[in-house]
Amino acid sequence: MAQANIIDTKLRLVFETGLDLQGKPIHKSKTYSSVKQSATADQLFAVGQAVAALSNYPLVALNRNDSFDIVG
C-alpha cells in the first residue's frame, strides 16, 4: 500500500496591492518556507495575521501548502 510522507510545509500570504485599469484587484503573495509541519490551522492563522499587520496592504488570503513524497 502506498503512503504519503510530508516533506515540506509553506505558508503563503496574499495581499491586494491595488486595482488594474479594469478595476480588478491586483494580488501579490509572499511565501514563507520551512514552516513547522505540526503547526495547526489556528497557529498559522495567528502568525499570518501578525505578519500581515506589518504590511501596508490588506491581507486577502492565507494558504498552507504541503508537499508529499508518495512511496510504495
Protein backbone atom coordinates (compact mmCIF):
# COMPACT_ATOMS: atom_id res chain seq x y z
CA MET A 1 0.00 0.00 0.00
CA ALA A 2 1.33 3.44 -0.93
CA GLN A 3 1.97 6.08 1.72
CA ALA A 4 2.20 9.87 1.54
CA ASN A 5 5.02 11.31 3.64
CA ILE A 6 5.01 15.05 4.19
CA ILE A 7 8.34 16.62 3.22
CA ASP A 8 7.71 20.38 3.27
CA THR A 9 5.18 22.94 4.50
CA LYS A 10 4.89 26.54 3.31
CA LEU A 11 2.69 29.47 4.33
CA ARG A 12 1.58 31.89 1.61
CA LEU A 13 0.11 35.31 2.35
CA VAL A 14 -1.81 37.01 -0.47
CA PHE A 15 -2.19 40.80 -0.41
CA GLU A 16 -4.31 43.15 -2.51
CA THR A 17 -1.91 45.82 -3.74
CA GLY A 18 -4.26 47.91 -5.85
CA LEU A 19 -6.53 47.84 -8.88
CA ASP A 20 -5.73 47.39 -12.56
CA LEU A 21 -7.14 49.55 -15.36
CA GLN A 22 -10.35 47.49 -15.47
CA GLY A 23 -10.88 47.90 -11.72
CA LYS A 24 -9.91 44.31 -10.89
CA PRO A 25 -7.78 43.72 -7.79
CA ILE A 26 -4.05 43.12 -8.16
CA HIS A 27 -2.77 40.39 -5.85
CA LYS A 28 0.81 39.83 -4.72
CA SER A 29 1.93 37.00 -2.50
CA LYS A 30 4.74 36.26 -0.09
CA THR A 31 5.66 32.65 0.71
CA TYR A 32 7.40 31.52 3.88
CA SER A 33 9.19 28.17 3.64
CA SER A 34 10.22 25.67 6.31
CA VAL A 35 7.03 26.05 8.32
CA LYS A 36 6.76 23.54 11.15
CA GLN A 37 4.78 20.62 9.78
CA SER A 38 2.90 20.11 13.05
CA ALA A 39 1.56 23.70 13.05
CA THR A 40 -2.21 23.85 13.39
CA ALA A 41 -4.52 25.96 11.25
CA ASP A 42 -5.13 28.28 14.22
CA GLN A 43 -1.39 28.77 14.74
CA LEU A 44 -0.78 29.52 11.06
CA PHE A 45 -3.71 31.93 11.03
CA ALA A 46 -2.33 33.80 14.05
CA VAL A 47 1.13 34.06 12.50
CA GLY A 48 -0.32 35.14 9.15
CA GLN A 49 -2.37 37.87 10.82
CA ALA A 50 0.66 39.09 12.79
CA VAL A 51 2.86 39.25 9.68
CA ALA A 52 0.09 40.91 7.66
CA ALA A 53 -0.23 43.62 10.32
CA LEU A 54 3.27 44.75 9.30
CA SER A 55 2.20 45.27 5.67
CA ASN A 56 0.73 48.38 4.08
CA TYR A 57 -1.65 46.20 2.04
CA PRO A 58 -4.74 44.27 3.14
CA LEU A 59 -4.44 40.50 3.50
CA VAL A 60 -6.93 38.68 1.26
CA ALA A 61 -5.87 35.04 1.70
CA LEU A 62 -3.71 32.68 3.75
CA ASN A 63 -2.68 29.37 2.17
CA ARG A 64 -0.94 26.34 3.62
CA ASN A 65 0.94 24.34 1.00
CA ASP A 66 2.12 20.84 1.98
CA SER A 67 4.37 18.77 -0.28
CA PHE A 68 4.40 14.99 -0.04
CA ASP A 69 6.54 12.09 -1.25
CA ILE A 70 4.46 9.13 -2.35
CA VAL A 71 6.20 5.84 -1.62
CA GLY A 72 5.10 2.28 -2.24
